[in-house]
Amino acid sequence: MSTDSDVAMLSSISSQLEDLGHRITEMAERYGATPDSALAGELFGAERGLIGARRSLDRARKFLTQT
């Protein structure tokens, strides 16, 4: 597998994670001011995890483009 295809794959996955994060945030915000606010907390935690994963993928992509 070539470096270019790996960079493209990482970019694609990162974009998908970003989309998932937005969708989860929208859902969490709907539950934030309801009796189900514990659900919102869990969803916001999941969103933070996706943000961390996206940052890791972005760093990996930068390593590949520096070589």
C-alpha atoms as a PDB file:
ATOM      1  CA  MET A   1       0.000   0.000   0.000  1.00  0.00           C
ATOM      2  CA  SER A   2       1.390   3.407  -0.883  1.00  0.00           C
ATOM      3  CA  THR A   3       1.824   6.327   1.449  1.00  0.00           C
ATOM      4  CA  ASP A   4      -0.519   8.416  -0.687  1.00  0.00           C
ATOM      5  CA  SER A   5      -3.342   5.927  -0.304  1.00  0.00           C
ATOM      6  CA  ASP A   6      -2.708   5.729   3.452  1.00  0.00           C
ATOM      7  CA  VAL A   7      -2.872   9.523   3.724  1.00  0.00           C
ATOM      8  CA  ALA A   8      -6.123   9.524   1.761  1.00  0.00           C
ATOM      9  CA  MET A   9      -7.574   6.785   3.944  1.00  0.00           C
ATOM     10  CA  LEU A  10      -6.645   8.605   7.153  1.00  0.00           C
ATOM     11  CA  SER A  11      -8.185  11.783   5.780  1.00  0.00           C
ATOM     12  CA  SER A  12     -11.393   9.956   4.910  1.00  0.00           C
ATOM     13  CA  ILE A  13     -11.644   8.314   8.327  1.00  0.00           C
ATOM     14  CA  SER A  14     -10.977  11.643  10.020  1.00  0.00           C
ATOM     15  CA  SER A  15     -13.812  13.239   8.046  1.00  0.00           C
ATOM     16  CA  GLN A  16     -16.150  10.421   9.012  1.00  0.00           C
ATOM     17  CA  LEU A  17     -15.258  10.839  12.681  1.00  0.00           C
ATOM     18  CA  GLU A  18     -15.937  14.554  12.397  1.00  0.00           C
ATOM     19  CA  ASP A  19     -19.371  13.857  10.917  1.00  0.00           C
ATOM     20  CA  LEU A  20     -20.155  11.336  13.655  1.00  0.00           C
ATOM     21  CA  GLY A  21     -19.057  13.849  16.277  1.00  0.00           C
ATOM     22  CA  HIS A  22     -21.441  16.470  14.920  1.00  0.00           C
ATOM     23  CA  ARG A  23     -24.310  13.997  14.891  1.00  0.00           C
ATOM     24  CA  ILE A  24     -23.605  12.875  18.451  1.00  0.00           C
ATOM     25  CA  THR A  25     -23.351  16.493  19.625  1.00  0.00           C
ATOM     26  CA  GLU A  26     -26.718  17.322  18.094  1.00  0.00           C
ATOM     27  CA  MET A  27     -28.277  14.378  19.888  1.00  0.00           C
ATOM     28  CA  ALA A  28     -26.585  15.229  23.193  1.00  0.00           C
ATOM     29  CA  GLU A  29     -27.806  18.807  23.008  1.00  0.00           C
ATOM     30  CA  ARG A  30     -31.384  17.584  22.550  1.00  0.00           C
ATOM     31  CA  TYR A  31     -31.139  15.616  25.809  1.00  0.00           C
ATOM     32  CA  GLY A  32     -29.117  18.178  27.780  1.00  0.00           C
ATOM     33  CA  ALA A  33     -32.056  19.998  29.359  1.00  0.00           C
ATOM     34  CA  THR A  34     -34.285  16.962  29.897  1.00  0.00           C
ATOM     35  CA  PRO A  35     -34.592  14.383  32.664  1.00  0.00           C
ATOM     36  CA  ASP A  36     -32.303  12.275  30.459  1.00  0.00           C
ATOM     37  CA  SER A  37     -29.359  14.617  31.006  1.00  0.00           C
ATOM     38  CA  ALA A  38     -27.219  11.637  32.084  1.00  0.00           C
ATOM     39  CA  LEU A  39     -27.576  10.398  28.511  1.00  0.00           C
ATOM     40  CA  ALA A  40     -26.331  13.779  27.285  1.00  0.00           C
ATOM     41  CA  GLY A  41     -23.271  13.434  29.507  1.00  0.00           C
ATOM     42  CA  GLU A  42     -22.447  10.049  28.034  1.00  0.00           C
ATOM     43  CA  LEU A  43     -22.934  11.338  24.506  1.00  0.00           C
ATOM     44  CA  PHE A  44     -20.683  14.335  25.130  1.00  0.00           C
ATOM     45  CA  GLY A  45     -18.078  11.901  26.491  1.00  0.00           C
ATOM     46  CA  ALA A  46     -18.313   9.898  23.278  1.00  0.00           C
ATOM     47  CA  GLU A  47     -17.895  13.108  21.292  1.00  0.00           C
ATOM     48  CA  ARG A  48     -14.713  13.952  23.217  1.00  0.00           C
ATOM     49  CA  GLY A  49     -13.383  10.483  22.438  1.00  0.00           C
ATOM     50  CA  LEU A  50     -14.019  11.015  18.741  1.00  0.00           C
ATOM     51  CA  ILE A  51     -12.255  14.374  18.870  1.00  0.00           C
ATOM     52  CA  GLY A  52      -9.232  12.685  20.441  1.00  0.00           C
ATOM     53  CA  ALA A  53      -9.279   9.942  17.834  1.00  0.00           C
ATOM     54  CA  ARG A  54      -9.488  12.501  15.036  1.00  0.00           C
ATOM     55  CA  ARG A  55      -6.519  14.415  16.421  1.00  0.00           C
ATOM     56  CA  SER A  56      -4.487  11.208  16.600  1.00  0.00           C
ATOM     57  CA  LEU A  57      -5.328  10.393  12.993  1.00  0.00           C
ATOM     58  CA  ASP A  58      -4.387  13.918  11.929  1.00  0.00           C
ATOM     59  CA  ARG A  59      -1.010  13.560  13.658  1.00  0.00           C
ATOM     60  CA  ALA A  60      -0.464  10.184  11.978  1.00  0.00           C
ATOM     61  CA  ARG A  61      -1.311  11.726   8.613  1.00  0.00           C
ATOM     62  CA  LYS A  62       1.253  14.482   9.235  1.00  0.00           C
ATOM     63  CA  PHE A  63       3.914  11.872  10.000  1.00  0.00           C
ATOM     64  CA  LEU A  64       3.186  10.166   6.692  1.00  0.00           C
ATOM     65  CA  THR A  65       3.378  13.414   4.716  1.00  0.00           C
ATOM     66  CA  GLN A  66       6.732  14.371   6.298  1.00  0.00           C
ATOM     67  CA  THR A  67       8.492  11.286   4.964  1.00  0.00           C
END
